[in-house]
Amino acid sequence: MLIETLGAARDMGRLNEIVGVLVRHGFGDSVRRLGLADRLERAGHAIHWDHVADLARLEPPVQVRLALEELGPAFVKLGQILAGRADLFGPEWIAEFEKLHSHVPAVPLEILLPQLREDLGGDTHEVFARFDMEPLAAASIAQVHRAQLKDGTEVIVKIRRPGITEVIEADLRLLSRLAALAEAELPALKPYRPQLLVREFARSLRRELDLAAECRHAERIAANLAELPHIVIPRVYWTHTRERVNVQDFIDGVAGGQLERLTTEAGFDRRLLAERGAHAVLKMIVQDGFFHADPHPGNVFYLSNNRVAFIDFGMVGRLSQRRREELLQLLLGLVERNPQAVADVLLDWTGDDHGVNLAQLETEIETFVDQYHGTPLAQLSLGQMLGDVTAILRDHHLGLPSDLALLIKAFISLEGMGRELDPDFHMATQATPLLREVVRAGYQPKVIAMRTWKTLRRALALAEQLPHDLSRLLRNARRGRVHVGIELAHLKRVGDQIDRAANRLSMALVIAALIIGSSIVMNVQGGPTLLGLPAFGFMGFLGAVLGGFWLVRSIWRSSHGRSVEDED
């Protein structure tokens, strides 16, 4: 299957290497179940099973992390992206995936120079006044060198590793086929949706390969944050920026991982830094819908005058206007402890609810949020609450869309960094004023008028198109080419509500029948008696009373639940 569909011999060697790494790291059983080992051995490729027993003693998350590290850049990036999927993986997996942010060996400058000369249009000494031979940092896709422009400006030069595109494209082809095979042959992996994960990963990784795109992201965010003078985004030097190289301002400050240097004597106010960093990221997410998706300590610097600088915009998140409105509802639901609002948004986000007990899921979400009722705002951990909610979804094998997974990862990382700066930092306290400001802004007359105008224009456009669409529909109907598909969202939840209403109605009819029947029996002479009354009539009235108590209690509980939610 997989071997025959690879199509090109160039991928066979890499496939053999991948299988070999998986076997060495304790995944031999999965390789055999997929049929890869047998097919490769029949094709003449040797698979070495040495030391498998030693590696198999490690915990599965550690085995996976070691395998990803050995498999190279594409798989390292895959692990880094999976580190943000708390909706799919438990804390022990996320902790191992986060270790993949470590540095990789740098490429010797001699190997980089021919490519760099081609991109810059000249030798480094012709373009720069100074170019440092030793890199500042090296990652899986690119490495960074410090330099100085002819006018004395200190800059960094980010250079893509030579040949990395070809390696990554080959790995993406194999990953796509492996994901399809794994989803078909290993049912336990189905809840993780391997094919969807690989498709999203491929899009993200191809964007990161374009170093000029990273600079466009930086300039867009810089424009959005222009009203915040205490936020610094590196300036881009487009004269020297290409797809394989970019040149940006060198940020000279205290790295996010060197908090011990942020002392009062050095002029830093750690509480103010936390508030400013949080406000900037919240503005990116809630107001702009375009945000830095990886704000870990390595991508944040603290500068003099309590300024905050963000670097490395290779991974960004995008939120549509509709998503932002849903996000506002979710975050306000969390900070205001409104469980129904949280449940409604999450159930809409998860989308594919086949086989899920929606009533149970909704109850769990409501119970979780309701436990914070009465808790002071300053004691809420918004990042922890988001993490716990995604854990509930994970238990029900529900995954969030990729843009929302990135968003939640950014929130959790941001709150963690804020707490490291200032133990008294509370994301909920910082977020609430901005969230309410954005909600109020959405109800301004100008905004409402603009939305109304857009809706009217769409309606007019549809009205103009309607005669043509009807004509085409009738033409296709005459030719027998019309297919009707009906999809009912959350049908089970609606069905449960209808079922409960039908049960109450049925009970009311039974009670009415008992009362009428018992009244008739009471007037019939003869037959057994109970307490001086006709026995069957007495028992009928008793059953009607008990049924009435059940019906009243059921209706009261339902209406009481709704009133409690309204009060919250």
Protein backbone atom coordinates (compact mmCIF):
# COMPACT_ATOMS: atom_id res chain seq x y z
CA MET A 1 0.00 0.00 0.00
CA LEU A 2 2.21 2.81 1.26
CA ILE A 3 5.35 1.50 -0.46
CA GLU A 4 3.63 1.23 -3.82
CA THR A 5 2.02 4.66 -3.59
CA LEU A 6 5.19 6.57 -2.78
CA GLY A 7 5.83 6.85 -6.48
CA ALA A 8 9.45 7.99 -6.45
CA ALA A 9 12.59 6.08 -5.52
CA ARG A 10 14.00 9.28 -3.98
CA ASP A 11 11.61 8.84 -1.02
CA MET A 12 12.43 5.17 -0.43
CA GLY A 13 15.74 5.83 1.28
CA ARG A 14 14.15 8.40 3.58
CA LEU A 15 11.25 6.05 4.36
CA ASN A 16 13.73 3.35 5.33
CA GLU A 17 15.49 5.85 7.59
CA ILE A 18 12.22 6.89 9.26
CA VAL A 19 11.20 3.28 9.87
CA GLY A 20 14.63 2.52 11.29
CA VAL A 21 14.39 5.42 13.75
CA LEU A 22 10.87 4.38 14.81
CA VAL A 23 12.04 0.82 15.42
CA ARG A 24 15.06 1.92 17.44
CA HIS A 25 12.88 4.11 19.66
CA GLY A 26 10.45 1.40 20.65
CA PHE A 27 7.77 1.64 17.96
CA GLY A 28 8.56 -1.65 16.25
CA ASP A 29 5.11 -3.04 17.01
CA SER A 30 3.41 -0.07 15.32
CA VAL A 31 5.75 -0.41 12.33
CA ARG A 32 4.87 -4.11 11.99
CA ARG A 33 1.12 -3.40 12.35
CA LEU A 34 1.36 -0.87 9.55
CA GLY A 35 3.09 -3.48 7.40
CA LEU A 36 6.08 -1.23 6.74
CA ALA A 37 8.78 -3.48 8.15
CA ASP A 38 7.80 -6.52 6.09
CA ARG A 39 7.48 -4.53 2.87
CA LEU A 40 10.80 -2.78 3.30
CA GLU A 41 12.60 -6.01 4.16
CA ARG A 42 11.12 -7.67 1.07
CA ALA A 43 12.32 -4.68 -0.95
CA GLY A 44 15.86 -5.37 0.24
CA HIS A 45 16.13 -2.72 2.97
CA ALA A 46 17.66 -3.90 6.23
CA ILE A 47 15.96 -2.87 9.45
CA HIS A 48 18.12 -3.04 12.55
CA TRP A 49 16.35 -4.12 15.72
CA ASP A 50 19.40 -3.73 18.01
CA HIS A 51 18.97 -1.96 21.37
CA VAL A 52 15.20 -1.81 20.92
CA ALA A 53 14.63 -3.36 24.35
CA ASP A 54 16.70 -0.65 26.09
CA LEU A 55 14.81 2.21 24.46
CA ALA A 56 11.46 0.52 25.04
CA ARG A 57 11.93 0.99 28.80
CA LEU A 58 11.47 4.75 28.37
CA GLU A 59 8.06 6.37 28.75
CA PRO A 60 6.18 6.77 25.43
CA PRO A 61 6.34 10.61 25.42
CA VAL A 62 10.12 10.48 25.86
CA GLN A 63 10.43 7.86 23.10
CA VAL A 64 8.44 10.03 20.70
CA ARG A 65 10.47 13.16 21.53
CA LEU A 66 13.79 11.36 21.00
CA ALA A 67 12.55 9.92 17.70
CA LEU A 68 11.44 13.35 16.46
CA GLU A 69 14.82 14.85 17.36
CA GLU A 70 16.64 12.15 15.43
CA LEU A 71 14.36 12.42 12.37
CA GLY A 72 15.36 16.02 11.70
CA PRO A 73 13.95 19.53 11.08
CA ALA A 74 10.47 18.71 9.74
CA PHE A 75 9.73 16.33 12.60
CA VAL A 76 11.19 18.71 15.19
CA LYS A 77 8.86 21.44 13.91
CA LEU A 78 5.96 18.97 14.02
CA GLY A 79 6.72 18.31 17.68
CA GLN A 80 6.89 22.03 18.41
CA ILE A 81 3.46 22.53 16.87
CA LEU A 82 2.07 19.55 18.79
CA ALA A 83 3.31 21.26 21.97
CA GLY A 84 0.42 23.67 21.46
CA ARG A 85 -2.24 20.97 21.09
CA ALA A 86 -3.28 20.55 24.72
CA ASP A 87 -6.71 19.65 23.35
CA LEU A 88 -5.23 16.43 21.92
CA PHE A 89 -2.34 15.50 24.23
CA GLY A 90 -1.99 15.25 27.99
CA PRO A 91 0.43 17.30 30.13
CA GLU A 92 3.19 14.65 30.07
CA TRP A 93 3.22 14.72 26.24
CA ILE A 94 3.14 18.53 26.06
CA ALA A 95 6.08 18.73 28.51
CA GLU A 96 8.20 16.51 26.23
CA PHE A 97 7.17 18.29 23.02
CA GLU A 98 8.16 21.63 24.57
CA LYS A 99 11.71 20.34 25.01
CA LEU A 100 12.01 20.35 21.22
CA HIS A 101 12.57 24.11 21.34
CA SER A 102 16.25 23.36 22.05
CA HIS A 103 18.97 24.52 19.65
CA VAL A 104 20.46 22.37 16.87
CA PRO A 105 24.07 22.40 15.60
CA ALA A 106 24.83 25.39 13.40
CA VAL A 107 25.77 25.10 9.73
CA PRO A 108 29.40 26.22 9.13
CA LEU A 109 29.48 29.67 7.54
CA GLU A 110 31.53 28.37 4.61
CA ILE A 111 28.53 26.27 3.53
CA LEU A 112 26.17 29.26 3.85
CA LEU A 113 28.29 31.80 1.98
CA PRO A 114 27.46 30.78 -1.66
CA GLN A 115 23.71 30.99 -0.98
CA LEU A 116 24.12 34.20 1.04
CA ARG A 117 26.19 35.81 -1.71
CA GLU A 118 23.51 34.98 -4.26
CA ASP A 119 20.70 36.43 -2.11
CA LEU A 120 22.55 39.60 -1.04
CA GLY A 121 24.01 40.30 -4.48
CA GLY A 122 27.54 40.48 -3.13
CA ASP A 123 29.96 39.24 -0.49
CA THR A 124 29.19 39.91 3.16
CA HIS A 125 32.06 42.42 3.46
CA GLU A 126 30.57 44.40 0.55
CA VAL A 127 27.10 44.59 2.13
CA PHE A 128 27.97 44.86 5.83
CA ALA A 129 30.54 46.84 7.76
CA ARG A 130 30.91 43.80 10.02
CA PHE A 131 29.60 40.24 9.85
CA ASP A 132 30.12 37.86 12.77
CA MET A 133 31.32 34.42 11.74
CA GLU A 134 29.84 32.68 14.80
CA PRO A 135 26.04 32.46 14.87
CA LEU A 136 23.95 33.96 17.66
CA ALA A 137 21.46 31.10 17.46
CA ALA A 138 20.67 28.08 15.31
CA ALA A 139 17.29 26.43 14.80
CA SER A 140 15.88 23.68 12.63
CA ILE A 141 15.08 25.92 9.64
CA ALA A 142 17.46 28.87 9.90
CA GLN A 143 20.31 30.33 11.90
CA VAL A 144 21.06 33.90 12.97
CA HIS A 145 24.27 35.91 12.66
CA ARG A 146 24.92 39.38 14.03
CA ALA A 147 26.16 42.09 11.66
CA GLN A 148 26.50 45.85 11.20
CA LEU A 149 25.24 47.86 8.24
CA LYS A 150 27.46 50.40 6.53
CA ASP A 151 25.71 53.23 8.45
CA GLY A 152 26.59 51.59 11.78
CA THR A 153 23.16 50.06 12.51
CA GLU A 154 23.37 46.79 14.43
CA VAL A 155 21.30 44.07 12.75
CA ILE A 156 20.75 40.35 12.70
CA VAL A 157 20.94 38.28 9.52
CA LYS A 158 18.65 35.24 9.48
CA ILE A 159 19.74 32.64 6.93
CA ARG A 160 17.75 29.60 5.82
CA ARG A 161 19.68 26.33 5.91
CA PRO A 162 20.79 25.28 2.39
CA GLY A 163 18.79 22.34 0.98
CA ILE A 164 16.29 22.41 3.84
CA THR A 165 13.31 22.94 1.50
CA GLU A 166 13.93 19.72 -0.43
CA VAL A 167 14.39 17.72 2.80
CA ILE A 168 11.20 19.13 4.30
CA GLU A 169 9.12 18.58 1.15
CA ALA A 170 10.22 14.94 1.04
CA ASP A 171 9.33 14.52 4.71
CA LEU A 172 5.95 16.16 4.20
CA ARG A 173 5.13 13.74 1.37
CA LEU A 174 6.00 10.79 3.57
CA LEU A 175 4.21 12.23 6.61
CA SER A 176 1.04 12.69 4.57
CA ARG A 177 1.08 9.05 3.46
CA LEU A 178 2.05 7.76 6.89
CA ALA A 179 -0.82 9.75 8.46
CA ALA A 180 -3.32 8.24 6.00
CA LEU A 181 -2.00 4.74 6.68
CA ALA A 182 -1.97 5.25 10.46
CA GLU A 183 -5.55 6.55 10.46
CA ALA A 184 -6.68 3.51 8.47
CA GLU A 185 -4.69 0.81 10.28
CA LEU A 186 -4.42 2.10 13.87
CA PRO A 187 -7.91 2.98 15.20
CA ALA A 188 -6.44 4.26 18.48
CA LEU A 189 -4.94 7.21 16.56
CA LYS A 190 -8.22 8.28 14.93
CA PRO A 191 -9.23 10.75 17.68
CA TYR A 192 -5.96 12.61 17.03
CA ARG A 193 -6.92 13.09 13.34
CA PRO A 194 -3.41 12.47 11.93
CA GLN A 195 -4.23 13.55 8.37
CA LEU A 196 -5.71 16.87 9.48
CA LEU A 197 -2.75 17.52 11.78
CA VAL A 198 -0.27 16.85 8.98
CA ARG A 199 -2.14 19.13 6.54
CA GLU A 200 -2.18 21.98 9.06
CA PHE A 201 1.46 21.35 9.90
CA ALA A 202 2.45 21.40 6.22
CA ARG A 203 0.79 24.79 5.68
CA SER A 204 2.47 26.25 8.76
CA LEU A 205 5.90 24.86 7.91
CA ARG A 206 5.83 26.08 4.30
CA ARG A 207 5.01 29.58 5.56
CA GLU A 208 7.96 29.43 7.97
CA LEU A 209 10.32 28.52 5.12
CA ASP A 210 9.67 31.95 3.57
CA LEU A 211 11.78 34.32 5.66
CA ALA A 212 10.36 37.34 3.80
CA ALA A 213 6.85 36.32 4.96
CA GLU A 214 8.10 36.47 8.55
CA CYS A 215 9.10 40.09 7.95
CA ARG A 216 5.70 40.93 6.47
CA HIS A 217 4.11 39.50 9.62
CA ALA A 218 6.42 41.65 11.78
CA GLU A 219 5.52 44.84 9.92
CA ARG A 220 1.79 44.12 10.12
CA ILE A 221 1.98 43.58 13.88
CA ALA A 222 4.19 46.66 14.29
CA ALA A 223 1.53 48.75 12.52
CA ASN A 224 -1.23 47.30 14.73
CA LEU A 225 0.77 48.08 17.90
CA ALA A 226 1.96 51.53 16.79
CA GLU A 227 -0.21 53.17 19.48
CA LEU A 228 1.79 51.35 22.20
CA PRO A 229 5.17 53.16 22.37
CA HIS A 230 6.50 50.76 24.98
CA ILE A 231 6.25 47.79 22.58
CA VAL A 232 9.17 47.24 20.18
CA ILE A 233 9.08 45.21 16.96
CA PRO A 234 12.39 44.92 15.00
CA ARG A 235 12.59 47.04 11.85
CA VAL A 236 13.00 45.13 8.59
CA TYR A 237 15.63 46.07 5.98
CA TRP A 238 13.93 45.07 2.76
CA THR A 239 16.96 45.92 0.60
CA HIS A 240 18.66 42.81 1.96
CA THR A 241 15.59 40.61 2.61
CA ARG A 242 14.64 37.67 0.41
CA GLU A 243 12.85 34.33 0.74
CA ARG A 244 16.04 32.67 2.08
CA VAL A 245 17.44 35.55 4.14
CA ASN A 246 16.13 38.50 6.12
CA VAL A 247 17.82 41.40 7.90
CA GLN A 248 16.25 43.04 10.96
CA ASP A 249 17.24 45.31 13.82
CA PHE A 250 19.35 43.69 16.52
CA ILE A 251 17.45 43.79 19.82
CA ASP A 252 19.84 44.54 22.68
CA GLY A 253 18.02 43.75 25.90
CA VAL A 254 17.40 41.19 28.60
CA ALA A 255 16.18 37.88 27.19
CA GLY A 256 12.96 36.42 28.57
CA GLY A 257 14.91 33.58 30.14
CA GLN A 258 17.24 35.88 32.14
CA LEU A 259 14.79 37.30 34.64
CA GLU A 260 17.42 37.58 37.37
CA ARG A 261 18.79 40.61 35.47
CA LEU A 262 15.50 42.50 35.78
CA THR A 263 16.33 44.27 39.02
CA THR A 264 15.05 47.56 40.42
CA GLU A 265 18.65 48.82 40.52
CA ALA A 266 18.87 48.26 36.75
CA GLY A 267 15.73 50.37 36.27
CA PHE A 268 13.20 47.58 35.63
CA ASP A 269 9.68 47.36 37.03
CA ARG A 270 8.74 43.70 36.65
CA ARG A 271 5.05 44.29 37.37
CA LEU A 272 4.87 46.99 34.70
CA LEU A 273 6.66 44.74 32.18
CA ALA A 274 4.13 41.96 32.81
CA GLU A 275 1.18 44.33 32.35
CA ARG A 276 2.58 45.86 29.15
CA GLY A 277 3.43 42.51 27.59
CA ALA A 278 0.01 41.12 28.44
CA HIS A 279 -1.79 44.17 27.09
CA ALA A 280 0.11 43.93 23.78
CA VAL A 281 -0.65 40.25 23.24
CA LEU A 282 -4.29 40.67 24.27
CA LYS A 283 -4.64 43.53 21.78
CA MET A 284 -3.15 41.35 19.02
CA ILE A 285 -5.62 38.58 19.77
CA VAL A 286 -8.84 40.32 20.78
CA GLN A 287 -8.74 43.53 18.74
CA ASP A 288 -6.52 42.82 15.73
CA GLY A 289 -7.11 39.11 15.12
CA PHE A 290 -3.45 38.66 14.08
CA PHE A 291 -1.07 37.57 16.82
CA HIS A 292 2.36 36.20 17.70
CA ALA A 293 1.55 32.50 18.13
CA ASP A 294 4.73 31.52 19.98
CA PRO A 295 5.44 34.09 22.73
CA HIS A 296 7.86 31.90 24.71
CA PRO A 297 10.76 33.47 26.68
CA GLY A 298 13.20 33.07 23.78
CA ASN A 299 11.06 35.40 21.62
CA VAL A 300 10.64 38.19 24.20
CA PHE A 301 13.20 40.79 25.33
CA TYR A 302 12.96 43.46 28.02
CA LEU A 303 14.53 46.83 27.21
CA SER A 304 15.35 50.04 29.05
CA ASN A 305 12.47 52.32 30.10
CA ASN A 306 10.43 49.14 30.75
CA ARG A 307 9.82 48.42 27.09
CA VAL A 308 8.98 44.96 25.75
CA ALA A 309 10.28 43.64 22.42
CA PHE A 310 8.87 40.68 20.45
CA ILE A 311 10.92 38.86 17.81
CA ASP A 312 10.54 35.90 15.43
CA PHE A 313 7.18 36.12 13.70
CA GLY A 314 7.53 32.91 11.73
CA MET A 315 4.53 31.40 13.54
CA VAL A 316 1.49 33.68 13.69
CA GLY A 317 -2.20 33.11 14.34
CA ARG A 318 -5.17 34.59 12.52
CA LEU A 319 -8.70 35.03 13.86
CA SER A 320 -11.70 36.03 11.76
CA GLN A 321 -14.17 38.62 13.06
CA ARG A 322 -16.59 35.83 13.93
CA ARG A 323 -13.88 33.93 15.83
CA ARG A 324 -13.01 37.06 17.80
CA GLU A 325 -16.64 37.55 18.79
CA GLU A 326 -16.82 33.92 19.94
CA LEU A 327 -13.54 34.37 21.81
CA LEU A 328 -14.93 37.40 23.61
CA GLN A 329 -17.95 35.36 24.68
CA LEU A 330 -15.70 32.53 25.92
CA LEU A 331 -13.25 34.72 27.86
CA LEU A 332 -15.99 36.84 29.40
CA GLY A 333 -17.81 33.64 30.31
CA LEU A 334 -14.69 32.41 32.11
CA VAL A 335 -13.86 35.62 33.99
CA GLU A 336 -17.51 36.30 34.86
CA ARG A 337 -18.14 32.61 35.73
CA ASN A 338 -20.98 32.12 33.24
CA PRO A 339 -20.92 28.36 32.51
CA GLN A 340 -23.63 28.36 29.84
CA ALA A 341 -21.74 30.92 27.73
CA VAL A 342 -18.56 28.81 27.90
CA ALA A 343 -20.39 25.60 27.04
CA ASP A 344 -22.18 27.16 24.06
CA VAL A 345 -18.95 28.45 22.49
CA LEU A 346 -16.97 25.26 23.02
CA LEU A 347 -19.72 23.04 21.65
CA ASP A 348 -19.83 25.21 18.53
CA TRP A 349 -16.04 25.14 18.19
CA THR A 350 -15.65 21.39 18.44
CA GLY A 351 -17.91 20.96 15.41
CA ASP A 352 -17.68 17.17 14.87
CA ASP A 353 -19.75 15.77 17.73
CA HIS A 354 -20.61 12.35 16.29
CA GLY A 355 -20.57 9.71 19.00
CA VAL A 356 -20.18 12.30 21.77
CA ASN A 357 -22.56 12.52 24.71
CA LEU A 358 -23.33 16.23 24.36
CA ALA A 359 -25.48 16.40 27.48
CA GLN A 360 -22.66 14.93 29.59
CA LEU A 361 -20.06 17.21 27.97
CA GLU A 362 -22.19 20.28 28.56
CA THR A 363 -22.76 19.28 32.17
CA GLU A 364 -19.02 18.79 32.77
CA ILE A 365 -18.18 22.20 31.30
CA GLU A 366 -20.90 23.91 33.34
CA THR A 367 -19.80 22.15 36.54
CA PHE A 368 -16.16 23.11 35.90
CA VAL A 369 -16.89 26.82 35.36
CA ASP A 370 -19.47 26.98 38.13
CA GLN A 371 -16.89 25.88 40.70
CA TYR A 372 -15.29 29.32 40.35
CA HIS A 373 -18.53 31.12 41.25
CA GLY A 374 -17.75 33.61 44.00
CA THR A 375 -13.97 33.42 43.47
CA PRO A 376 -12.40 36.91 43.39
CA LEU A 377 -11.26 37.95 39.90
CA ALA A 378 -7.68 38.45 41.08
CA GLN A 379 -7.49 34.79 42.13
CA LEU A 380 -8.49 33.34 38.76
CA SER A 381 -5.83 31.74 36.56
CA LEU A 382 -7.19 32.26 33.04
CA GLY A 383 -4.48 30.12 31.48
CA GLN A 384 -5.18 27.27 33.90
CA MET A 385 -8.91 27.52 33.23
CA LEU A 386 -8.35 27.34 29.47
CA GLY A 387 -6.04 24.38 29.96
CA ASP A 388 -8.59 22.56 32.10
CA VAL A 389 -11.40 23.20 29.60
CA THR A 390 -9.28 21.76 26.76
CA ALA A 391 -8.56 18.74 28.99
CA ILE A 392 -12.32 18.14 29.24
CA LEU A 393 -12.57 18.26 25.44
CA ARG A 394 -9.60 15.88 25.16
CA ASP A 395 -11.31 13.38 27.45
CA HIS A 396 -14.25 13.39 25.04
CA HIS A 397 -11.90 12.99 22.02
CA LEU A 398 -12.82 16.42 20.68
CA GLY A 399 -10.15 18.60 19.10
CA LEU A 400 -10.21 22.34 18.54
CA PRO A 401 -9.53 23.98 15.15
CA SER A 402 -5.83 24.77 14.70
CA ASP A 403 -6.23 28.56 14.99
CA LEU A 404 -7.91 28.16 18.37
CA ALA A 405 -5.30 25.67 19.59
CA LEU A 406 -2.60 28.26 18.78
CA LEU A 407 -4.61 30.89 20.58
CA ILE A 408 -4.98 28.88 23.78
CA LYS A 409 -1.27 28.02 23.69
CA ALA A 410 -0.44 31.73 23.41
CA PHE A 411 -2.72 32.56 26.36
CA ILE A 412 -1.21 29.86 28.57
CA SER A 413 2.38 30.87 27.64
CA LEU A 414 1.60 34.54 28.23
CA GLU A 415 0.15 33.99 31.69
CA GLY A 416 3.09 31.78 32.63
CA MET A 417 5.56 34.49 31.60
CA GLY A 418 3.56 37.13 33.46
CA ARG A 419 3.61 35.05 36.66
CA GLU A 420 7.38 34.58 36.35
CA LEU A 421 7.82 38.35 36.10
CA ASP A 422 5.36 39.14 38.87
CA PRO A 423 3.91 36.43 41.16
CA ASP A 424 0.87 38.67 41.72
CA PHE A 425 0.15 38.96 37.98
CA HIS A 426 -3.40 37.90 37.07
CA MET A 427 -4.36 37.56 33.42
CA ALA A 428 -8.07 37.76 34.23
CA THR A 429 -7.58 41.15 35.87
CA GLN A 430 -5.64 42.41 32.84
CA ALA A 431 -8.02 40.94 30.27
CA THR A 432 -11.40 42.00 31.70
CA PRO A 433 -11.18 45.80 30.99
CA LEU A 434 -9.97 45.20 27.43
CA LEU A 435 -12.62 42.57 26.77
CA ARG A 436 -15.40 44.87 27.96
CA GLU A 437 -13.94 47.77 25.96
CA VAL A 438 -14.00 45.66 22.80
CA VAL A 439 -17.59 44.57 23.50
CA ARG A 440 -18.67 48.21 23.97
CA ALA A 441 -16.85 49.22 20.78
CA GLY A 442 -18.85 46.62 18.87
CA TYR A 443 -22.11 48.41 19.78
CA GLN A 444 -21.09 51.90 18.66
CA PRO A 445 -23.50 53.43 16.10
CA LYS A 446 -20.76 53.64 13.47
CA VAL A 447 -19.87 49.95 13.84
CA ILE A 448 -23.52 48.86 13.82
CA ALA A 449 -24.18 50.98 10.72
CA MET A 450 -21.17 49.45 8.96
CA ARG A 451 -22.31 45.92 9.77
CA THR A 452 -25.83 46.73 8.60
CA TRP A 453 -24.48 48.13 5.35
CA LYS A 454 -22.33 45.04 4.74
CA THR A 455 -25.29 42.78 5.44
CA LEU A 456 -27.48 44.82 3.08
CA ARG A 457 -24.85 44.68 0.33
CA ARG A 458 -24.58 40.91 0.69
CA ALA A 459 -28.37 40.60 0.59
CA LEU A 460 -28.57 42.76 -2.57
CA ALA A 461 -25.83 40.72 -4.21
CA LEU A 462 -27.69 37.51 -3.39
CA ALA A 463 -30.92 38.98 -4.71
CA GLU A 464 -29.22 39.88 -8.00
CA GLN A 465 -27.80 36.37 -8.28
CA LEU A 466 -31.03 34.61 -7.26
CA PRO A 467 -32.75 34.47 -10.73
CA HIS A 468 -29.62 33.01 -12.32
CA ASP A 469 -29.23 30.44 -9.52
CA LEU A 470 -32.91 29.42 -9.75
CA SER A 471 -32.63 29.03 -13.52
CA ARG A 472 -29.56 26.84 -13.14
CA LEU A 473 -31.23 24.80 -10.37
CA LEU A 474 -34.30 24.12 -12.52
CA ARG A 475 -32.12 23.20 -15.49
CA ASN A 476 -30.13 20.71 -13.39
CA ALA A 477 -33.36 19.35 -11.85
CA ARG A 478 -34.74 18.61 -15.32
CA ARG A 479 -31.53 16.74 -16.10
CA GLY A 480 -31.67 14.76 -12.83
CA ARG A 481 -28.49 16.33 -11.46
CA VAL A 482 -29.84 17.72 -8.19
CA HIS A 483 -28.57 16.10 -4.98
CA VAL A 484 -29.96 17.10 -1.60
CA GLY A 485 -27.85 16.76 1.56
CA ILE A 486 -29.15 17.64 5.01
CA GLU A 487 -26.91 18.16 8.02
CA LEU A 488 -28.48 18.81 11.42
CA ALA A 489 -26.01 20.25 13.93
CA HIS A 490 -26.31 19.13 17.55
CA LEU A 491 -29.32 17.00 16.64
CA LYS A 492 -28.80 14.75 19.66
CA ARG A 493 -28.95 17.66 22.11
CA VAL A 494 -32.16 18.96 20.52
CA GLY A 495 -33.53 15.40 20.48
CA ASP A 496 -32.81 15.00 24.20
CA GLN A 497 -34.73 18.20 24.96
CA ILE A 498 -37.69 17.08 22.83
CA ASP A 499 -37.57 13.66 24.48
CA ARG A 500 -37.76 15.18 27.97
CA ALA A 501 -40.67 17.41 26.93
CA ALA A 502 -42.48 14.41 25.41
CA ASN A 503 -41.97 12.40 28.61
CA ARG A 504 -43.53 15.17 30.70
CA LEU A 505 -46.46 15.48 28.29
CA SER A 506 -47.00 11.71 28.38
CA MET A 507 -46.94 11.72 32.17
CA ALA A 508 -49.47 14.57 32.26
CA LEU A 509 -51.81 12.57 30.01
CA VAL A 510 -51.42 9.47 32.23
CA ILE A 511 -52.17 11.53 35.35
CA ALA A 512 -55.26 13.03 33.72
CA ALA A 513 -56.45 9.55 32.67
CA LEU A 514 -55.91 8.22 36.22
CA ILE A 515 -57.90 11.06 37.75
CA ILE A 516 -60.81 10.64 35.32
CA GLY A 517 -60.78 6.82 35.56
CA SER A 518 -60.53 6.84 39.36
CA SER A 519 -63.40 9.31 39.60
CA ILE A 520 -65.58 6.92 37.59
CA VAL A 521 -64.51 3.90 39.67
CA MET A 522 -65.30 5.77 42.91
CA ASN A 523 -68.96 5.95 41.85
CA VAL A 524 -69.23 2.24 41.07
CA GLN A 525 -70.80 0.18 43.87
CA GLY A 526 -69.31 -3.13 45.00
CA GLY A 527 -65.84 -4.54 44.71
CA PRO A 528 -62.91 -4.48 47.17
CA THR A 529 -62.45 -1.47 49.43
CA LEU A 530 -59.47 0.22 51.07
CA LEU A 531 -59.98 2.58 54.04
CA GLY A 532 -63.68 2.49 53.24
CA LEU A 533 -63.13 3.58 49.63
CA PRO A 534 -63.17 1.56 46.41
CA ALA A 535 -59.64 0.08 46.27
CA PHE A 536 -59.02 0.59 42.55
CA GLY A 537 -60.25 4.19 42.66
CA PHE A 538 -58.08 4.91 45.71
CA MET A 539 -54.98 3.39 44.09
CA GLY A 540 -55.65 5.36 40.89
CA PHE A 541 -55.83 8.66 42.81
CA LEU A 542 -52.66 7.72 44.71
CA GLY A 543 -50.82 7.04 41.44
CA ALA A 544 -52.07 10.37 40.05
CA VAL A 545 -50.76 12.21 43.15
CA LEU A 546 -47.32 10.57 42.91
CA GLY A 547 -47.14 11.26 39.18
CA GLY A 548 -48.15 14.87 39.81
CA PHE A 549 -45.37 15.26 42.38
CA TRP A 550 -42.83 13.88 39.84
CA LEU A 551 -44.08 16.20 37.10
CA VAL A 552 -44.00 19.30 39.31
CA ARG A 553 -40.52 18.41 40.58
CA SER A 554 -39.21 17.87 37.03
CA ILE A 555 -40.60 21.20 35.79
CA TRP A 556 -39.31 23.02 38.89
CA ARG A 557 -35.77 21.62 38.49
CA SER A 558 -35.67 22.63 34.83
CA SER A 559 -36.88 26.19 35.43
CA HIS A 560 -34.70 26.54 38.55
CA GLY A 561 -31.60 25.55 36.55
CA ARG A 562 -32.33 28.26 34.00
CA SER A 563 -32.90 30.91 36.67
CA VAL A 564 -29.59 30.05 38.38
CA GLU A 565 -27.77 30.49 35.08
CA ASP A 566 -29.45 33.87 34.57
CA GLU A 567 -28.34 34.99 38.03
CA ASP A 568 -24.74 33.91 37.32
